[in-house]
Structure formats: C-alpha cells, structure tokens
Amino acid sequence: MAKPLSDQIRDAVRSSKISRNRICRETEIDKGSMSKFMAGDRGLSLAALDKLAALLRLRIVVERKEG
C-alpha cells in the first residue's frame, strides 16, 4: 500500500537539499506551520502544498484505485 500523500511530501522535504528556512521563505509558509506539518501535527493548505511541490519539483499524480 502506498504511503499517504502528506508522508510522501514530508519525505521529499527531508530528502531535499533545501533548508527549511529557504523553503518557508520561498513558499511563504509560516515556519510554525511548516514545523507542525513536518511533525505530523497539522496539514497545509492546498495553496501551500502547490507552492511546496513547485519548489521541490514534485510531480503529483492522482489515480483511482481499481475495485
């Protein structure tokens, strides 16, 4: 079974070569919000996730499961 999208994005942030300070600055995500997201304590808005995906050069694909 695939990991939840939020876990995949957290993994991408952790494995990126970009500092969290730079991520927050370039995506305009509040440092506290980013910290809580990374800890799994809260989510991010779709707008914030769009900016984060663009900065990290992520391609997000949504597919329906069979069955």
N, C-alpha and C. Protein backbone atom coordinates (compact mmCIF):
# COMPACT_ATOMS: atom_id res chain seq x y z
N MET A 1 0.84 -1.19 0.00
CA MET A 1 0.00 0.00 0.00
C MET A 1 0.88 1.25 0.00
N ALA A 2 0.49 2.23 -0.76
CA ALA A 2 1.27 3.46 -0.90
C ALA A 2 1.15 4.30 0.38
N LYS A 3 2.19 5.07 0.64
CA LYS A 3 2.17 6.00 1.77
C LYS A 3 1.18 7.12 1.51
N PRO A 4 0.59 7.68 2.56
CA PRO A 4 -0.27 8.85 2.37
C PRO A 4 0.51 10.00 1.72
N LEU A 5 -0.20 10.82 0.97
CA LEU A 5 0.42 11.95 0.27
C LEU A 5 1.21 12.84 1.22
N SER A 6 0.65 13.14 2.39
CA SER A 6 1.35 14.02 3.33
C SER A 6 2.69 13.42 3.76
N ASP A 7 2.75 12.10 3.97
CA ASP A 7 4.01 11.45 4.33
C ASP A 7 5.01 11.51 3.18
N GLN A 8 4.52 11.36 1.96
CA GLN A 8 5.41 11.43 0.79
C GLN A 8 6.01 12.83 0.65
N ILE A 9 5.20 13.85 0.92
CA ILE A 9 5.69 15.23 0.83
C ILE A 9 6.70 15.50 1.94
N ARG A 10 6.42 15.02 3.16
CA ARG A 10 7.39 15.17 4.25
C ARG A 10 8.72 14.52 3.88
N ASP A 11 8.66 13.32 3.31
CA ASP A 11 9.88 12.63 2.88
C ASP A 11 10.64 13.45 1.84
N ALA A 12 9.90 14.07 0.92
CA ALA A 12 10.54 14.89 -0.12
C ALA A 12 11.22 16.11 0.49
N VAL A 13 10.58 16.72 1.49
CA VAL A 13 11.19 17.88 2.17
C VAL A 13 12.46 17.43 2.87
N ARG A 14 12.38 16.33 3.61
CA ARG A 14 13.55 15.85 4.35
C ARG A 14 14.71 15.48 3.43
N SER A 15 14.42 14.91 2.28
CA SER A 15 15.48 14.46 1.38
C SER A 15 15.99 15.56 0.44
N SER A 16 15.32 16.70 0.45
CA SER A 16 15.76 17.79 -0.43
C SER A 16 17.03 18.42 0.12
N LYS A 17 17.73 19.10 -0.72
CA LYS A 17 18.95 19.80 -0.32
C LYS A 17 18.64 21.25 0.08
N ILE A 18 17.35 21.56 0.23
CA ILE A 18 16.92 22.92 0.52
C ILE A 18 16.62 23.06 2.01
N SER A 19 17.14 24.10 2.62
CA SER A 19 16.91 24.30 4.05
C SER A 19 15.45 24.64 4.31
N ARG A 20 15.00 24.33 5.51
CA ARG A 20 13.61 24.65 5.86
C ARG A 20 13.40 26.15 5.85
N ASN A 21 14.40 26.93 6.25
CA ASN A 21 14.27 28.39 6.21
C ASN A 21 14.02 28.86 4.79
N ARG A 22 14.77 28.34 3.85
CA ARG A 22 14.59 28.73 2.44
C ARG A 22 13.22 28.28 1.93
N ILE A 23 12.83 27.06 2.29
CA ILE A 23 11.52 26.55 1.87
C ILE A 23 10.42 27.49 2.36
N CYS A 24 10.49 27.86 3.63
CA CYS A 24 9.47 28.75 4.21
C CYS A 24 9.48 30.11 3.53
N ARG A 25 10.66 30.64 3.30
CA ARG A 25 10.78 31.96 2.67
C ARG A 25 10.23 31.95 1.24
N GLU A 26 10.60 30.95 0.46
CA GLU A 26 10.20 30.92 -0.95
C GLU A 26 8.75 30.50 -1.17
N THR A 27 8.19 29.74 -0.24
CA THR A 27 6.80 29.30 -0.40
C THR A 27 5.83 30.16 0.41
N GLU A 28 6.37 31.03 1.23
CA GLU A 28 5.58 31.88 2.13
C GLU A 28 4.78 31.06 3.14
N ILE A 29 5.30 29.88 3.49
CA ILE A 29 4.70 29.05 4.53
C ILE A 29 5.31 29.48 5.85
N ASP A 30 4.47 29.78 6.82
CA ASP A 30 4.93 30.17 8.15
C ASP A 30 5.80 29.06 8.75
N LYS A 31 6.90 29.44 9.41
CA LYS A 31 7.81 28.45 9.99
C LYS A 31 7.12 27.53 10.99
N GLY A 32 6.22 28.09 11.78
CA GLY A 32 5.48 27.29 12.75
C GLY A 32 4.58 26.27 12.07
N SER A 33 3.93 26.71 11.00
CA SER A 33 3.05 25.80 10.25
C SER A 33 3.86 24.69 9.61
N MET A 34 5.03 25.03 9.06
CA MET A 34 5.89 24.02 8.45
C MET A 34 6.39 23.03 9.50
N SER A 35 6.75 23.53 10.65
CA SER A 35 7.23 22.67 11.73
C SER A 35 6.13 21.69 12.17
N LYS A 36 4.91 22.19 12.33
CA LYS A 36 3.80 21.33 12.72
C LYS A 36 3.46 20.32 11.63
N PHE A 37 3.56 20.74 10.37
CA PHE A 37 3.32 19.81 9.26
C PHE A 37 4.36 18.70 9.27
N MET A 38 5.62 19.07 9.44
CA MET A 38 6.69 18.09 9.41
C MET A 38 6.59 17.12 10.58
N ALA A 39 6.04 17.57 11.69
CA ALA A 39 5.85 16.70 12.86
C ALA A 39 4.59 15.84 12.74
N GLY A 40 3.77 16.12 11.72
CA GLY A 40 2.54 15.38 11.53
C GLY A 40 1.40 15.87 12.40
N ASP A 41 1.57 17.06 12.97
CA ASP A 41 0.55 17.62 13.87
C ASP A 41 -0.54 18.39 13.15
N ARG A 42 -0.29 18.78 11.89
CA ARG A 42 -1.32 19.51 11.13
C ARG A 42 -1.00 19.40 9.65
N GLY A 43 -1.98 19.77 8.84
CA GLY A 43 -1.79 19.76 7.40
C GLY A 43 -1.44 21.14 6.89
N LEU A 44 -1.28 21.24 5.60
CA LEU A 44 -1.05 22.52 4.94
C LEU A 44 -2.19 22.76 3.95
N SER A 45 -2.43 24.01 3.64
CA SER A 45 -3.46 24.33 2.65
C SER A 45 -3.04 23.82 1.28
N LEU A 46 -4.01 23.67 0.40
CA LEU A 46 -3.68 23.25 -0.97
C LEU A 46 -2.77 24.25 -1.66
N ALA A 47 -2.98 25.52 -1.40
CA ALA A 47 -2.13 26.56 -2.00
C ALA A 47 -0.68 26.39 -1.52
N ALA A 48 -0.51 26.13 -0.23
CA ALA A 48 0.84 25.93 0.31
C ALA A 48 1.46 24.66 -0.26
N LEU A 49 0.67 23.60 -0.38
CA LEU A 49 1.19 22.36 -0.95
C LEU A 49 1.57 22.54 -2.42
N ASP A 50 0.81 23.33 -3.16
CA ASP A 50 1.15 23.63 -4.56
C ASP A 50 2.50 24.33 -4.64
N LYS A 51 2.71 25.33 -3.78
CA LYS A 51 3.99 26.06 -3.77
C LYS A 51 5.13 25.15 -3.37
N LEU A 52 4.89 24.31 -2.38
CA LEU A 52 5.92 23.39 -1.91
C LEU A 52 6.29 22.39 -3.00
N ALA A 53 5.28 21.84 -3.67
CA ALA A 53 5.53 20.89 -4.76
C ALA A 53 6.31 21.55 -5.90
N ALA A 54 5.98 22.79 -6.21
CA ALA A 54 6.70 23.51 -7.28
C ALA A 54 8.15 23.73 -6.89
N LEU A 55 8.39 24.17 -5.66
CA LEU A 55 9.76 24.43 -5.22
C LEU A 55 10.59 23.15 -5.23
N LEU A 56 10.00 22.05 -4.76
CA LEU A 56 10.73 20.79 -4.68
C LEU A 56 10.73 20.02 -5.99
N ARG A 57 10.05 20.60 -7.00
CA ARG A 57 9.96 20.00 -8.32
C ARG A 57 9.33 18.60 -8.26
N LEU A 58 8.21 18.52 -7.52
CA LEU A 58 7.49 17.27 -7.37
C LEU A 58 6.41 17.17 -8.44
N ARG A 59 6.18 15.98 -8.90
CA ARG A 59 5.07 15.71 -9.81
C ARG A 59 4.10 14.86 -9.03
N ILE A 60 2.92 15.37 -8.81
CA ILE A 60 1.90 14.66 -8.04
C ILE A 60 0.87 14.10 -9.00
N VAL A 61 0.66 12.80 -8.92
CA VAL A 61 -0.26 12.10 -9.81
C VAL A 61 -1.37 11.50 -8.98
N VAL A 62 -2.59 11.74 -9.38
CA VAL A 62 -3.76 11.18 -8.70
C VAL A 62 -4.39 10.14 -9.62
N GLU A 63 -4.52 8.93 -9.11
CA GLU A 63 -5.12 7.86 -9.88
C GLU A 63 -6.15 7.15 -9.02
N ARG A 64 -7.20 6.69 -9.63
CA ARG A 64 -8.21 5.91 -8.91
C ARG A 64 -7.71 4.48 -8.74
N LYS A 65 -8.04 3.91 -7.60
CA LYS A 65 -7.75 2.50 -7.37
C LYS A 65 -8.78 1.66 -8.10
N GLU A 66 -8.36 0.52 -8.57
CA GLU A 66 -9.30 -0.42 -9.20
C GLU A 66 -10.07 -1.14 -8.12
N GLY A 67 -11.35 -1.40 -8.39
CA GLY A 67 -12.14 -2.19 -7.46
C GLY A 67 -13.02 -1.43 -6.64
